[in-house]
């Protein structure tokens, strides 16, 4: 007589998104908040502001099935 084990689950493939958050604060001289935001974005795009591993804040893991 053979015994069938039902406690074993079949292996599945999961997609896991890994999100790292880096953060820094920069001083921007501007006339208003919107201008400051635009200047900061431009500085970031032009690599005048670069985030490094020391700027690490958090890691999140999100599982997709």
N, C-alpha and C. Protein backbone atom coordinates (compact mmCIF):
# COMPACT_ATOMS: atom_id res chain seq x y z
N UNK A 1 0.83 -1.16 0.00
CA UNK A 1 0.00 0.00 0.00
C UNK A 1 0.90 1.25 0.00
N UNK A 2 0.59 2.21 -0.87
CA UNK A 2 1.41 3.43 -0.92
C UNK A 2 0.67 4.57 -0.22
N UNK A 3 1.45 5.40 0.42
CA UNK A 3 0.89 6.53 1.15
C UNK A 3 1.14 7.80 0.34
N UNK A 4 0.08 8.54 0.10
CA UNK A 4 0.20 9.80 -0.64
C UNK A 4 0.28 10.94 0.37
N UNK A 5 1.37 11.70 0.28
CA UNK A 5 1.56 12.83 1.21
C UNK A 5 0.95 14.09 0.61
N UNK A 6 0.12 14.74 1.36
CA UNK A 6 -0.54 15.95 0.87
C UNK A 6 0.05 17.21 1.51
N UNK A 7 1.06 17.07 2.33
CA UNK A 7 1.60 18.23 3.02
C UNK A 7 2.65 18.98 2.20
N UNK A 8 3.02 18.47 1.05
CA UNK A 8 4.02 19.11 0.21
C UNK A 8 3.32 20.04 -0.80
N UNK A 9 3.75 21.31 -0.83
CA UNK A 9 3.18 22.27 -1.78
C UNK A 9 4.03 22.30 -3.04
N UNK A 10 3.36 22.50 -4.16
CA UNK A 10 4.07 22.61 -5.43
C UNK A 10 4.82 23.95 -5.46
N UNK A 11 6.02 23.94 -5.97
CA UNK A 11 6.82 25.16 -6.08
C UNK A 11 6.20 26.09 -7.11
N UNK A 12 6.23 27.37 -6.82
CA UNK A 12 5.70 28.38 -7.72
C UNK A 12 6.77 29.42 -8.00
N UNK A 13 6.55 30.21 -9.03
CA UNK A 13 7.45 31.30 -9.34
C UNK A 13 6.78 32.61 -8.94
N UNK A 14 7.50 33.43 -8.20
CA UNK A 14 6.99 34.71 -7.77
C UNK A 14 7.90 35.82 -8.28
N UNK A 15 7.30 36.95 -8.58
CA UNK A 15 8.08 38.14 -8.89
C UNK A 15 8.13 38.97 -7.62
N UNK A 16 9.32 39.37 -7.22
CA UNK A 16 9.49 40.18 -6.02
C UNK A 16 10.17 41.48 -6.42
N UNK A 17 9.48 42.58 -6.19
CA UNK A 17 10.05 43.89 -6.47
C UNK A 17 10.82 44.34 -5.23
N UNK A 18 12.04 44.82 -5.46
CA UNK A 18 12.87 45.33 -4.37
C UNK A 18 13.06 46.82 -4.62
N UNK A 19 12.62 47.63 -3.66
CA UNK A 19 12.68 49.08 -3.80
C UNK A 19 13.58 49.64 -2.69
N UNK A 20 14.65 50.29 -3.11
CA UNK A 20 15.53 50.96 -2.15
C UNK A 20 15.23 52.46 -2.19
N UNK A 21 15.20 53.05 -1.02
CA UNK A 21 14.96 54.49 -0.93
C UNK A 21 16.23 55.18 -0.44
N UNK A 22 16.67 56.15 -1.23
CA UNK A 22 17.79 57.01 -0.86
C UNK A 22 17.24 58.42 -0.72
N UNK A 23 17.81 59.19 0.18
CA UNK A 23 17.28 60.53 0.41
C UNK A 23 18.39 61.48 0.83
N UNK A 24 18.28 62.72 0.37
CA UNK A 24 19.18 63.78 0.83
C UNK A 24 18.41 65.10 0.79
N UNK A 25 18.91 66.08 1.48
CA UNK A 25 18.30 67.41 1.47
C UNK A 25 19.31 68.38 0.88
N UNK A 26 18.85 69.17 -0.09
CA UNK A 26 19.73 70.17 -0.71
C UNK A 26 19.13 71.55 -0.50
N UNK A 27 19.99 72.53 -0.39
CA UNK A 27 19.54 73.93 -0.28
C UNK A 27 19.41 74.50 -1.69
N UNK A 28 18.25 75.10 -1.96
CA UNK A 28 17.99 75.69 -3.27
C UNK A 28 17.48 77.11 -3.05
N UNK A 29 18.10 78.06 -3.72
CA UNK A 29 17.65 79.45 -3.65
C UNK A 29 16.68 79.67 -4.80
N UNK A 30 15.45 80.07 -4.45
CA UNK A 30 14.42 80.28 -5.47
C UNK A 30 13.38 81.25 -4.95
N UNK A 31 12.55 81.75 -5.87
CA UNK A 31 11.51 82.72 -5.51
C UNK A 31 10.31 82.07 -4.83
N UNK A 32 10.02 80.80 -5.16
CA UNK A 32 8.88 80.11 -4.56
C UNK A 32 9.13 78.60 -4.56
N UNK A 33 8.23 77.86 -3.93
CA UNK A 33 8.41 76.40 -3.80
C UNK A 33 8.48 75.70 -5.15
N UNK A 34 7.60 76.08 -6.08
CA UNK A 34 7.58 75.45 -7.40
C UNK A 34 8.91 75.64 -8.12
N UNK A 35 9.45 76.85 -8.05
CA UNK A 35 10.75 77.13 -8.69
C UNK A 35 11.85 76.33 -8.02
N UNK A 36 11.79 76.21 -6.69
CA UNK A 36 12.79 75.43 -5.97
C UNK A 36 12.73 73.97 -6.38
N UNK A 37 11.51 73.44 -6.50
CA UNK A 37 11.35 72.04 -6.92
C UNK A 37 11.91 71.83 -8.32
N UNK A 38 11.59 72.73 -9.23
CA UNK A 38 12.10 72.60 -10.61
C UNK A 38 13.63 72.68 -10.65
N UNK A 39 14.20 73.59 -9.85
CA UNK A 39 15.67 73.71 -9.80
C UNK A 39 16.30 72.43 -9.23
N UNK A 40 15.70 71.89 -8.17
CA UNK A 40 16.23 70.66 -7.57
C UNK A 40 16.16 69.50 -8.56
N UNK A 41 15.05 69.41 -9.29
CA UNK A 41 14.92 68.34 -10.29
C UNK A 41 15.97 68.50 -11.39
N UNK A 42 16.19 69.72 -11.82
CA UNK A 42 17.21 69.98 -12.85
C UNK A 42 18.61 69.65 -12.33
N UNK A 43 18.89 70.02 -11.08
CA UNK A 43 20.18 69.70 -10.48
C UNK A 43 20.39 68.18 -10.44
N UNK A 44 19.34 67.46 -10.08
CA UNK A 44 19.43 65.99 -10.01
C UNK A 44 19.67 65.40 -11.40
N UNK A 45 18.89 65.87 -12.38
CA UNK A 45 19.04 65.34 -13.75
C UNK A 45 20.43 65.65 -14.33
N UNK A 46 20.99 66.80 -13.96
CA UNK A 46 22.31 67.19 -14.45
C UNK A 46 23.44 66.65 -13.58
N UNK A 47 23.08 65.76 -12.65
CA UNK A 47 24.04 65.10 -11.76
C UNK A 47 24.82 66.07 -10.88
N UNK A 48 24.23 67.22 -10.59
CA UNK A 48 24.82 68.13 -9.61
C UNK A 48 24.50 67.64 -8.20
N UNK A 49 23.45 66.86 -8.09
CA UNK A 49 23.09 66.18 -6.84
C UNK A 49 23.13 64.69 -7.14
N UNK A 50 23.96 63.96 -6.41
CA UNK A 50 24.10 62.52 -6.59
C UNK A 50 23.85 61.85 -5.24
N UNK A 51 23.02 60.83 -5.24
CA UNK A 51 22.75 60.09 -4.01
C UNK A 51 23.67 58.89 -3.92
N UNK A 52 24.19 58.67 -2.72
CA UNK A 52 25.17 57.61 -2.49
C UNK A 52 24.62 56.59 -1.49
N UNK A 53 25.29 55.45 -1.34
CA UNK A 53 24.84 54.45 -0.36
C UNK A 53 24.66 55.01 1.05
N UNK A 54 25.43 56.03 1.40
CA UNK A 54 25.27 56.65 2.73
C UNK A 54 23.91 57.34 2.88
N UNK A 55 23.25 57.62 1.76
CA UNK A 55 21.94 58.27 1.77
C UNK A 55 20.79 57.26 1.88
N UNK A 56 21.14 56.00 2.09
CA UNK A 56 20.15 54.93 2.19
C UNK A 56 19.22 55.14 3.38
N UNK A 57 17.92 54.91 3.15
CA UNK A 57 16.93 55.04 4.22
C UNK A 57 16.17 53.75 4.47
N UNK A 58 15.73 53.06 3.40
CA UNK A 58 14.81 51.95 3.59
C UNK A 58 14.85 51.01 2.39
N UNK A 59 14.45 49.76 2.62
CA UNK A 59 14.24 48.78 1.55
C UNK A 59 12.88 48.15 1.75
N UNK A 60 12.10 48.06 0.68
CA UNK A 60 10.80 47.40 0.72
C UNK A 60 10.82 46.23 -0.25
N UNK A 61 10.12 45.17 0.11
CA UNK A 61 9.97 44.01 -0.75
C UNK A 61 8.48 43.80 -1.00
N UNK A 62 8.10 43.77 -2.28
CA UNK A 62 6.70 43.61 -2.67
C UNK A 62 6.60 42.36 -3.53
N UNK A 63 5.75 41.41 -3.13
CA UNK A 63 5.61 40.14 -3.84
C UNK A 63 4.44 40.22 -4.81
N UNK A 64 4.70 39.87 -6.06
CA UNK A 64 3.67 39.75 -7.08
C UNK A 64 3.56 38.27 -7.42
N UNK A 65 2.38 37.80 -7.65
CA UNK A 65 2.21 36.38 -7.95
C UNK A 65 1.99 36.13 -9.40
